[in-house]
């Protein structure tokens, strides 16, 4: 792997302006099967994590790489590994956002680490986001990104079994290709593993289209808020194993000392782990 001086990129910052209109909110609600579309009007509260739709990366199509991601080397460092994954993150919610708000996001590149993993070289990068409205901090967010080499052939990945579940802890949702396509469109995400099955199978050697990590996190957040009737003060999540289209997805919530441990899974193994906490349980 060509050497990049990552220290020179750490600490870089960028500020973006965005927001969610009522028309966008209606499309997001339809995509996520959100149960209260009548509440999605200008000035109504934006459901948690929906700020992820507010800052589409409007890079020119000519500036996309073969995987559909924007080519690196402008704000983000030119990592020479082609498989990029949103591996996890953590959020703290300070104040609600609203449909129609003008929202700003300040992003700072944090630690960038090169290491050798079981699958070969990898680069771990952390982005720190501050989401602001009317000059006040609404959300603090850490985003963890992992870069790997694309394997030359399919590789069996180690799985983690789902936990033992109490009665009623599990829900099941479908993951059709139409859901993945709509989510990619709403987030303006052209990563081809989510909608181009030929690319996903023949280039990146996945067995099927990959369910977005942020989509899984949103499903778990929606489950947490619906089950408790409250928005968490803190939410963190970690991707464990890819989940695939067309196989359905298990959603699990287990209460632990006032917090919720959350999981997605397929065929008995975990896809994502998350924890939702409320003030007093942090």
C-alpha atoms as a PDB file:
ATOM      1  CA  UNK A   1       0.000   0.000   0.000  1.00  0.00           C
ATOM      2  CA  UNK A   2       1.346   3.438  -0.978  1.00  0.00           C
ATOM      3  CA  UNK A   3       2.206   5.469   2.075  1.00  0.00           C
ATOM      4  CA  UNK A   4       0.065   8.495   2.867  1.00  0.00           C
ATOM      5  CA  UNK A   5       1.034  10.993   5.541  1.00  0.00           C
ATOM      6  CA  UNK A   6      -2.195  10.699   7.510  1.00  0.00           C
ATOM      7  CA  UNK A   7      -0.939  13.023  10.227  1.00  0.00           C
ATOM      8  CA  UNK A   8      -1.216  15.845   7.704  1.00  0.00           C
ATOM      9  CA  UNK A   9      -4.945  15.114   7.259  1.00  0.00           C
ATOM     10  CA  UNK A  10      -5.903  14.666  10.899  1.00  0.00           C
ATOM     11  CA  UNK A  11      -7.531  17.796  12.296  1.00  0.00           C
ATOM     12  CA  UNK A  12      -8.911  19.086   9.001  1.00  0.00           C
ATOM     13  CA  UNK A  13     -12.369  20.615   9.281  1.00  0.00           C
ATOM     14  CA  UNK A  14     -15.263  21.438   6.994  1.00  0.00           C
ATOM     15  CA  UNK A  15     -18.668  23.058   7.602  1.00  0.00           C
ATOM     16  CA  UNK A  16     -21.775  22.207   5.579  1.00  0.00           C
ATOM     17  CA  UNK A  17     -25.288  23.640   5.551  1.00  0.00           C
ATOM     18  CA  UNK A  18     -28.368  21.497   5.069  1.00  0.00           C
ATOM     19  CA  UNK A  19     -31.840  20.664   6.282  1.00  0.00           C
ATOM     20  CA  UNK A  20     -34.915  18.508   5.758  1.00  0.00           C
ATOM     21  CA  UNK A  21     -38.019  19.890   4.016  1.00  0.00           C
ATOM     22  CA  UNK A  22     -41.510  18.544   4.608  1.00  0.00           C
ATOM     23  CA  UNK A  23     -41.422  16.914   1.155  1.00  0.00           C
ATOM     24  CA  UNK A  24     -38.148  15.156   1.985  1.00  0.00           C
ATOM     25  CA  UNK A  25     -39.527  14.084   5.357  1.00  0.00           C
ATOM     26  CA  UNK A  26     -42.527  12.478   3.649  1.00  0.00           C
ATOM     27  CA  UNK A  27     -40.234  10.493   1.340  1.00  0.00           C
ATOM     28  CA  UNK A  28     -38.015   9.402   4.237  1.00  0.00           C
ATOM     29  CA  UNK A  29     -41.090   8.326   6.201  1.00  0.00           C
ATOM     30  CA  UNK A  30     -42.316   6.260   3.245  1.00  0.00           C
ATOM     31  CA  UNK A  31     -38.892   4.651   2.861  1.00  0.00           C
ATOM     32  CA  UNK A  32     -38.643   3.727   6.551  1.00  0.00           C
ATOM     33  CA  UNK A  33     -42.327   2.748   6.952  1.00  0.00           C
ATOM     34  CA  UNK A  34     -42.497   5.466   9.596  1.00  0.00           C
ATOM     35  CA  UNK A  35     -45.743   5.151  11.513  1.00  0.00           C
ATOM     36  CA  UNK A  36     -46.627   8.832  11.988  1.00  0.00           C
ATOM     37  CA  UNK A  37     -46.340  10.636   8.624  1.00  0.00           C
ATOM     38  CA  UNK A  38     -49.103  13.093   9.603  1.00  0.00           C
ATOM     39  CA  UNK A  39     -46.714  14.639  12.147  1.00  0.00           C
ATOM     40  CA  UNK A  40     -44.066  15.443   9.547  1.00  0.00           C
ATOM     41  CA  UNK A  41     -44.782  19.095   8.820  1.00  0.00           C
ATOM     42  CA  UNK A  42     -42.619  22.205   8.851  1.00  0.00           C
ATOM     43  CA  UNK A  43     -41.517  22.982  12.442  1.00  0.00           C
ATOM     44  CA  UNK A  44     -42.390  19.494  13.704  1.00  0.00           C
ATOM     45  CA  UNK A  45     -39.629  17.567  15.459  1.00  0.00           C
ATOM     46  CA  UNK A  46     -37.229  15.646  13.263  1.00  0.00           C
ATOM     47  CA  UNK A  47     -37.006  11.984  14.355  1.00  0.00           C
ATOM     48  CA  UNK A  48     -33.573  11.062  15.779  1.00  0.00           C
ATOM     49  CA  UNK A  49     -30.846  10.208  13.211  1.00  0.00           C
ATOM     50  CA  UNK A  50     -32.784  11.822  10.374  1.00  0.00           C
ATOM     51  CA  UNK A  51     -30.117  14.525  10.205  1.00  0.00           C
ATOM     52  CA  UNK A  52     -28.172  11.907   8.200  1.00  0.00           C
ATOM     53  CA  UNK A  53     -30.414  12.833   5.268  1.00  0.00           C
ATOM     54  CA  UNK A  54     -29.719  16.566   5.615  1.00  0.00           C
ATOM     55  CA  UNK A  55     -26.217  16.735   4.106  1.00  0.00           C
ATOM     56  CA  UNK A  56     -26.096  14.869   0.776  1.00  0.00           C
ATOM     57  CA  UNK A  57     -22.642  14.730  -0.775  1.00  0.00           C
ATOM     58  CA  UNK A  58     -23.410  16.422  -4.081  1.00  0.00           C
ATOM     59  CA  UNK A  59     -20.145  15.528  -5.795  1.00  0.00           C
ATOM     60  CA  UNK A  60     -20.346  15.403  -9.589  1.00  0.00           C
ATOM     61  CA  UNK A  61     -21.056  11.976 -11.067  1.00  0.00           C
ATOM     62  CA  UNK A  62     -17.782  12.243 -12.997  1.00  0.00           C
ATOM     63  CA  UNK A  63     -15.969  12.432  -9.649  1.00  0.00           C
ATOM     64  CA  UNK A  64     -17.250   9.112  -8.301  1.00  0.00           C
ATOM     65  CA  UNK A  65     -14.971   6.082  -8.020  1.00  0.00           C
ATOM     66  CA  UNK A  66     -15.793   2.674  -9.470  1.00  0.00           C
ATOM     67  CA  UNK A  67     -17.567   1.698  -6.219  1.00  0.00           C
ATOM     68  CA  UNK A  68     -19.810   4.780  -6.385  1.00  0.00           C
ATOM     69  CA  UNK A  69     -18.161   6.648  -3.507  1.00  0.00           C
ATOM     70  CA  UNK A  70     -16.724  10.125  -4.119  1.00  0.00           C
ATOM     71  CA  UNK A  71     -13.043   9.878  -4.977  1.00  0.00           C
ATOM     72  CA  UNK A  72     -10.837  10.624  -1.998  1.00  0.00           C
ATOM     73  CA  UNK A  73      -8.123  13.235  -1.778  1.00  0.00           C
ATOM     74  CA  UNK A  74      -9.991  16.507  -1.221  1.00  0.00           C
ATOM     75  CA  UNK A  75     -11.328  16.724   2.337  1.00  0.00           C
ATOM     76  CA  UNK A  76     -10.864  13.007   3.056  1.00  0.00           C
ATOM     77  CA  UNK A  77      -7.338  11.533   2.696  1.00  0.00           C
ATOM     78  CA  UNK A  78      -6.500   9.420  -0.385  1.00  0.00           C
ATOM     79  CA  UNK A  79      -6.667   5.969   1.242  1.00  0.00           C
ATOM     80  CA  UNK A  80      -5.446   3.307  -1.210  1.00  0.00           C
ATOM     81  CA  UNK A  81      -7.872   0.638  -0.033  1.00  0.00           C
ATOM     82  CA  UNK A  82     -11.098   0.288  -1.999  1.00  0.00           C
ATOM     83  CA  UNK A  83     -13.588  -1.308   0.404  1.00  0.00           C
ATOM     84  CA  UNK A  84     -15.062   1.389   2.633  1.00  0.00           C
ATOM     85  CA  UNK A  85     -17.452   0.639   5.492  1.00  0.00           C
ATOM     86  CA  UNK A  86     -19.270   2.810   8.023  1.00  0.00           C
ATOM     87  CA  UNK A  87     -18.247   0.605  10.949  1.00  0.00           C
ATOM     88  CA  UNK A  88     -20.063   2.334  13.793  1.00  0.00           C
ATOM     89  CA  UNK A  89     -20.553   5.521  15.704  1.00  0.00           C
ATOM     90  CA  UNK A  90     -21.811   7.272  18.808  1.00  0.00           C
ATOM     91  CA  UNK A  91     -24.244  10.148  19.222  1.00  0.00           C
ATOM     92  CA  UNK A  92     -25.315  12.421  22.057  1.00  0.00           C
ATOM     93  CA  UNK A  93     -28.517  14.391  21.589  1.00  0.00           C
ATOM     94  CA  UNK A  94     -28.650  17.848  23.206  1.00  0.00           C
ATOM     95  CA  UNK A  95     -31.650  19.502  21.545  1.00  0.00           C
ATOM     96  CA  UNK A  96     -34.256  18.518  18.948  1.00  0.00           C
ATOM     97  CA  UNK A  97     -34.040  19.482  15.310  1.00  0.00           C
ATOM     98  CA  UNK A  98     -37.102  20.396  13.257  1.00  0.00           C
ATOM     99  CA  UNK A  99     -38.327  19.989   9.723  1.00  0.00           C
ATOM    100  CA  UNK A 100     -37.522  23.185   7.845  1.00  0.00           C
ATOM    101  CA  UNK A 101     -34.619  24.146  10.115  1.00  0.00           C
ATOM    102  CA  UNK A 102     -31.385  25.348   8.588  1.00  0.00           C
ATOM    103  CA  UNK A 103     -28.847  22.920  10.040  1.00  0.00           C
ATOM    104  CA  UNK A 104     -25.069  23.164  10.012  1.00  0.00           C
ATOM    105  CA  UNK A 105     -22.597  20.338  10.400  1.00  0.00           C
ATOM    106  CA  UNK A 106     -19.004  20.942  11.445  1.00  0.00           C
ATOM    107  CA  UNK A 107     -16.819  17.927  10.700  1.00  0.00           C
ATOM    108  CA  UNK A 108     -13.301  17.318  11.937  1.00  0.00           C
ATOM    109  CA  UNK A 109     -11.067  14.426  10.900  1.00  0.00           C
ATOM    110  CA  UNK A 110      -9.844  12.710  14.058  1.00  0.00           C
ATOM    111  CA  UNK A 111      -7.482   9.785  14.455  1.00  0.00           C
ATOM    112  CA  UNK A 112      -6.352   7.896  11.357  1.00  0.00           C
ATOM    113  CA  UNK A 113      -4.655   4.583  12.079  1.00  0.00           C
ATOM    114  CA  UNK A 114      -3.039   2.048   9.755  1.00  0.00           C
ATOM    115  CA  UNK A 115      -2.809  -1.533  10.939  1.00  0.00           C
ATOM    116  CA  UNK A 116      -2.604  -5.118   9.749  1.00  0.00           C
ATOM    117  CA  UNK A 117      -5.731  -7.181  10.347  1.00  0.00           C
ATOM    118  CA  UNK A 118      -6.668 -10.790   9.682  1.00  0.00           C
ATOM    119  CA  UNK A 119      -7.916  -9.804   6.222  1.00  0.00           C
ATOM    120  CA  UNK A 120      -4.848  -7.716   5.397  1.00  0.00           C
ATOM    121  CA  UNK A 121      -4.060  -4.006   5.681  1.00  0.00           C
ATOM    122  CA  UNK A 122      -6.703  -1.654   7.021  1.00  0.00           C
ATOM    123  CA  UNK A 123      -7.116   2.015   7.774  1.00  0.00           C
ATOM    124  CA  UNK A 124      -9.331   3.172  10.647  1.00  0.00           C
ATOM    125  CA  UNK A 125     -10.607   6.749  10.555  1.00  0.00           C
ATOM    126  CA  UNK A 126     -12.738   8.731  12.966  1.00  0.00           C
ATOM    127  CA  UNK A 127     -14.844  11.743  11.988  1.00  0.00           C
ATOM    128  CA  UNK A 128     -16.271  14.061  14.637  1.00  0.00           C
ATOM    129  CA  UNK A 129     -19.463  15.948  13.747  1.00  0.00           C
ATOM    130  CA  UNK A 130     -21.217  18.796  15.520  1.00  0.00           C
ATOM    131  CA  UNK A 131     -24.789  19.385  14.343  1.00  0.00           C
ATOM    132  CA  UNK A 132     -25.911  22.939  15.061  1.00  0.00           C
ATOM    133  CA  UNK A 133     -29.159  24.867  14.669  1.00  0.00           C
ATOM    134  CA  UNK A 134     -29.467  28.607  15.299  1.00  0.00           C
ATOM    135  CA  UNK A 135     -25.916  28.503  16.613  1.00  0.00           C
ATOM    136  CA  UNK A 136     -26.727  25.965  19.340  1.00  0.00           C
ATOM    137  CA  UNK A 137     -25.329  22.442  19.526  1.00  0.00           C
ATOM    138  CA  UNK A 138     -28.060  19.864  18.828  1.00  0.00           C
ATOM    139  CA  UNK A 139     -26.106  16.628  18.246  1.00  0.00           C
ATOM    140  CA  UNK A 140     -22.551  15.467  18.858  1.00  0.00           C
ATOM    141  CA  UNK A 141     -21.554  12.531  16.707  1.00  0.00           C
ATOM    142  CA  UNK A 142     -18.560  10.265  16.175  1.00  0.00           C
ATOM    143  CA  UNK A 143     -18.409   8.310  12.910  1.00  0.00           C
ATOM    144  CA  UNK A 144     -16.066   5.313  12.577  1.00  0.00           C
ATOM    145  CA  UNK A 145     -14.943   4.374   9.065  1.00  0.00           C
ATOM    146  CA  UNK A 146     -12.884   1.340   8.041  1.00  0.00           C
ATOM    147  CA  UNK A 147     -11.043   0.868   4.757  1.00  0.00           C
ATOM    148  CA  UNK A 148      -9.987  -2.603   3.581  1.00  0.00           C
ATOM    149  CA  UNK A 149      -8.745  -4.274   0.435  1.00  0.00           C
ATOM    150  CA  UNK A 150     -11.415  -5.878  -1.713  1.00  0.00           C
ATOM    151  CA  UNK A 151     -10.808  -9.655  -1.533  1.00  0.00           C
ATOM    152  CA  UNK A 152      -9.955 -11.448  -4.748  1.00  0.00           C
ATOM    153  CA  UNK A 153     -12.517 -14.152  -3.985  1.00  0.00           C
ATOM    154  CA  UNK A 154     -15.373 -14.713  -1.519  1.00  0.00           C
ATOM    155  CA  UNK A 155     -14.166 -14.980   2.067  1.00  0.00           C
ATOM    156  CA  UNK A 156     -16.139 -16.611   4.877  1.00  0.00           C
ATOM    157  CA  UNK A 157     -16.485 -14.093   7.689  1.00  0.00           C
ATOM    158  CA  UNK A 158     -16.602 -14.998  11.346  1.00  0.00           C
ATOM    159  CA  UNK A 159     -20.103 -14.703  12.789  1.00  0.00           C
ATOM    160  CA  UNK A 160     -21.328 -13.772  16.262  1.00  0.00           C
ATOM    161  CA  UNK A 161     -24.478 -15.556  17.488  1.00  0.00           C
ATOM    162  CA  UNK A 162     -27.510 -13.585  18.565  1.00  0.00           C
ATOM    163  CA  UNK A 163     -27.979 -13.366  22.349  1.00  0.00           C
ATOM    164  CA  UNK A 164     -30.518 -15.435  24.237  1.00  0.00           C
ATOM    165  CA  UNK A 165     -33.741 -13.475  23.910  1.00  0.00           C
ATOM    166  CA  UNK A 166     -36.623 -12.968  26.308  1.00  0.00           C
ATOM    167  CA  UNK A 167     -40.129 -13.481  24.923  1.00  0.00           C
ATOM    168  CA  UNK A 168     -41.301 -10.590  22.782  1.00  0.00           C
ATOM    169  CA  UNK A 169     -37.854  -9.051  22.314  1.00  0.00           C
ATOM    170  CA  UNK A 170     -37.616  -9.847  18.606  1.00  0.00           C
ATOM    171  CA  UNK A 171     -39.279  -8.175  15.629  1.00  0.00           C
ATOM    172  CA  UNK A 172     -38.805  -9.023  11.975  1.00  0.00           C
ATOM    173  CA  UNK A 173     -38.699  -6.647   9.018  1.00  0.00           C
ATOM    174  CA  UNK A 174     -38.237  -7.228   5.319  1.00  0.00           C
ATOM    175  CA  UNK A 175     -35.175  -5.953   3.428  1.00  0.00           C
ATOM    176  CA  UNK A 176     -36.284  -5.890  -0.237  1.00  0.00           C
ATOM    177  CA  UNK A 177     -34.113  -4.376  -2.942  1.00  0.00           C
ATOM    178  CA  UNK A 178     -36.624  -1.525  -3.220  1.00  0.00           C
ATOM    179  CA  UNK A 179     -35.909  -0.495   0.381  1.00  0.00           C
ATOM    180  CA  UNK A 180     -32.161  -0.406  -0.244  1.00  0.00           C
ATOM    181  CA  UNK A 181     -32.642   1.560  -3.464  1.00  0.00           C
ATOM    182  CA  UNK A 182     -34.866   4.140  -1.792  1.00  0.00           C
ATOM    183  CA  UNK A 183     -32.503   4.543   1.163  1.00  0.00           C
ATOM    184  CA  UNK A 184     -29.553   5.045  -1.188  1.00  0.00           C
ATOM    185  CA  UNK A 185     -31.565   7.647  -3.094  1.00  0.00           C
ATOM    186  CA  UNK A 186     -32.652   9.523   0.040  1.00  0.00           C
ATOM    187  CA  UNK A 187     -29.084   9.673   1.377  1.00  0.00           C
ATOM    188  CA  UNK A 188     -27.654  10.374  -2.110  1.00  0.00           C
ATOM    189  CA  UNK A 189     -25.368   7.392  -1.580  1.00  0.00           C
ATOM    190  CA  UNK A 190     -24.146   5.830  -4.830  1.00  0.00           C
ATOM    191  CA  UNK A 191     -22.196   2.979  -3.177  1.00  0.00           C
ATOM    192  CA  UNK A 192     -22.922   0.150  -5.593  1.00  0.00           C
ATOM    193  CA  UNK A 193     -22.970  -2.689  -3.040  1.00  0.00           C
ATOM    194  CA  UNK A 194     -26.465  -1.494  -2.057  1.00  0.00           C
ATOM    195  CA  UNK A 195     -28.191  -1.533  -5.477  1.00  0.00           C
ATOM    196  CA  UNK A 196     -25.918  -3.150  -8.108  1.00  0.00           C
ATOM    197  CA  UNK A 197     -26.029  -6.893  -7.475  1.00  0.00           C
ATOM    198  CA  UNK A 198     -23.546  -7.716 -10.250  1.00  0.00           C
ATOM    199  CA  UNK A 199     -20.980  -5.354  -8.738  1.00  0.00           C
ATOM    200  CA  UNK A 200     -21.669  -6.554  -5.179  1.00  0.00           C
ATOM    201  CA  UNK A 201     -21.211 -10.212  -6.142  1.00  0.00           C
ATOM    202  CA  UNK A 202     -18.537 -10.106  -8.841  1.00  0.00           C
ATOM    203  CA  UNK A 203     -16.312  -7.252  -7.630  1.00  0.00           C
ATOM    204  CA  UNK A 204     -16.680  -7.096  -3.835  1.00  0.00           C
ATOM    205  CA  UNK A 205     -17.643 -10.811  -3.537  1.00  0.00           C
ATOM    206  CA  UNK A 206     -20.678 -10.389  -1.307  1.00  0.00           C
ATOM    207  CA  UNK A 207     -23.416 -13.020  -1.701  1.00  0.00           C
ATOM    208  CA  UNK A 208     -26.088 -10.363  -2.292  1.00  0.00           C
ATOM    209  CA  UNK A 209     -26.825  -6.659  -1.957  1.00  0.00           C
ATOM    210  CA  UNK A 210     -25.663  -5.278   1.399  1.00  0.00           C
ATOM    211  CA  UNK A 211     -28.091  -3.604   3.808  1.00  0.00           C
ATOM    212  CA  UNK A 212     -26.742  -0.164   4.747  1.00  0.00           C
ATOM    213  CA  UNK A 213     -25.277   0.146   8.222  1.00  0.00           C
ATOM    214  CA  UNK A 214     -27.011   3.520   8.789  1.00  0.00           C
ATOM    215  CA  UNK A 215     -30.325   1.956   7.727  1.00  0.00           C
ATOM    216  CA  UNK A 216     -29.899  -0.750  10.364  1.00  0.00           C
ATOM    217  CA  UNK A 217     -29.025   1.894  12.969  1.00  0.00           C
ATOM    218  CA  UNK A 218     -32.170   3.842  12.063  1.00  0.00           C
ATOM    219  CA  UNK A 219     -34.307   0.724  12.413  1.00  0.00           C
ATOM    220  CA  UNK A 220     -32.865   0.115  15.878  1.00  0.00           C
ATOM    221  CA  UNK A 221     -33.339   3.752  16.884  1.00  0.00           C
ATOM    222  CA  UNK A 222     -36.933   3.660  15.658  1.00  0.00           C
ATOM    223  CA  UNK A 223     -37.467   0.471  17.695  1.00  0.00           C
ATOM    224  CA  UNK A 224     -35.990   2.090  20.818  1.00  0.00           C
ATOM    225  CA  UNK A 225     -38.097   5.246  20.597  1.00  0.00           C
ATOM    226  CA  UNK A 226     -41.279   3.322  19.806  1.00  0.00           C
ATOM    227  CA  UNK A 227     -40.746   0.891  22.702  1.00  0.00           C
ATOM    228  CA  UNK A 228     -39.992   3.586  25.293  1.00  0.00           C
ATOM    229  CA  UNK A 229     -41.825   6.603  23.892  1.00  0.00           C
ATOM    230  CA  UNK A 230     -38.672   8.682  24.405  1.00  0.00           C
ATOM    231  CA  UNK A 231     -35.681   9.782  22.360  1.00  0.00           C
ATOM    232  CA  UNK A 232     -32.410   8.495  23.889  1.00  0.00           C
ATOM    233  CA  UNK A 233     -29.871  10.978  25.169  1.00  0.00           C
ATOM    234  CA  UNK A 234     -27.070   8.706  23.896  1.00  0.00           C
ATOM    235  CA  UNK A 235     -26.946   6.109  21.150  1.00  0.00           C
ATOM    236  CA  UNK A 236     -23.958   4.107  19.944  1.00  0.00           C
ATOM    237  CA  UNK A 237     -23.691   1.291  17.445  1.00  0.00           C
ATOM    238  CA  UNK A 238     -21.162  -1.061  15.890  1.00  0.00           C
ATOM    239  CA  UNK A 239     -21.325  -3.148  12.712  1.00  0.00           C
ATOM    240  CA  UNK A 240     -20.496  -6.814  13.356  1.00  0.00           C
ATOM    241  CA  UNK A 241     -21.311  -8.641  10.105  1.00  0.00           C
ATOM    242  CA  UNK A 242     -22.874  -7.664   6.751  1.00  0.00           C
ATOM    243  CA  UNK A 243     -26.619  -8.149   6.401  1.00  0.00           C
ATOM    244  CA  UNK A 244     -28.109  -8.886   2.997  1.00  0.00           C
ATOM    245  CA  UNK A 245     -31.177  -7.953   0.977  1.00  0.00           C
ATOM    246  CA  UNK A 246     -34.142 -10.232   0.588  1.00  0.00           C
ATOM    247  CA  UNK A 247     -33.502 -12.367   3.675  1.00  0.00           C
ATOM    248  CA  UNK A 248     -35.393 -10.280   6.212  1.00  0.00           C
ATOM    249  CA  UNK A 249     -33.849  -8.739   9.285  1.00  0.00           C
ATOM    250  CA  UNK A 250     -34.338  -9.577  12.953  1.00  0.00           C
ATOM    251  CA  UNK A 251     -34.534  -6.558  15.274  1.00  0.00           C
ATOM    252  CA  UNK A 252     -33.951  -7.165  18.971  1.00  0.00           C
ATOM    253  CA  UNK A 253     -34.306  -4.930  22.037  1.00  0.00           C
ATOM    254  CA  UNK A 254     -33.339  -6.153  25.521  1.00  0.00           C
ATOM    255  CA  UNK A 255     -33.666  -3.863  28.552  1.00  0.00           C
ATOM    256  CA  UNK A 256     -30.609  -3.693  30.794  1.00  0.00           C
ATOM    257  CA  UNK A 257     -30.644  -1.411  33.859  1.00  0.00           C
ATOM    258  CA  UNK A 258     -32.809   1.224  32.196  1.00  0.00           C
ATOM    259  CA  UNK A 259     -30.904   1.104  28.902  1.00  0.00           C
ATOM    260  CA  UNK A 260     -31.732  -0.879  25.776  1.00  0.00           C
ATOM    261  CA  UNK A 261     -29.286  -3.277  24.142  1.00  0.00           C
ATOM    262  CA  UNK A 262     -30.261  -3.554  20.494  1.00  0.00           C
ATOM    263  CA  UNK A 263     -29.278  -5.930  17.699  1.00  0.00           C
ATOM    264  CA  UNK A 264     -29.943  -6.652  14.070  1.00  0.00           C
ATOM    265  CA  UNK A 265     -29.461 -10.204  12.859  1.00  0.00           C
ATOM    266  CA  UNK A 266     -29.991 -12.748  10.097  1.00  0.00           C
ATOM    267  CA  UNK A 267     -29.964 -16.532  10.251  1.00  0.00           C
ATOM    268  CA  UNK A 268     -29.130 -16.471  13.962  1.00  0.00           C
ATOM    269  CA  UNK A 269     -26.067 -14.209  13.806  1.00  0.00           C
ATOM    270  CA  UNK A 270     -25.572 -10.537  14.587  1.00  0.00           C
ATOM    271  CA  UNK A 271     -25.324  -7.764  12.054  1.00  0.00           C
ATOM    272  CA  UNK A 272     -25.176  -4.731  14.329  1.00  0.00           C
ATOM    273  CA  UNK A 273     -25.010  -4.076  18.056  1.00  0.00           C
ATOM    274  CA  UNK A 274     -26.343  -0.831  19.536  1.00  0.00           C
ATOM    275  CA  UNK A 275     -27.149   0.670  22.916  1.00  0.00           C
ATOM    276  CA  UNK A 276     -29.684   3.391  23.668  1.00  0.00           C
ATOM    277  CA  UNK A 277     -29.376   5.279  26.958  1.00  0.00           C
ATOM    278  CA  UNK A 278     -31.416   7.955  28.657  1.00  0.00           C
ATOM    279  CA  UNK A 279     -30.354  10.610  31.147  1.00  0.00           C
ATOM    280  CA  UNK A 280     -29.632   8.901  34.458  1.00  0.00           C
ATOM    281  CA  UNK A 281     -28.465   5.658  32.809  1.00  0.00           C
ATOM    282  CA  UNK A 282     -25.349   7.003  31.085  1.00  0.00           C
END
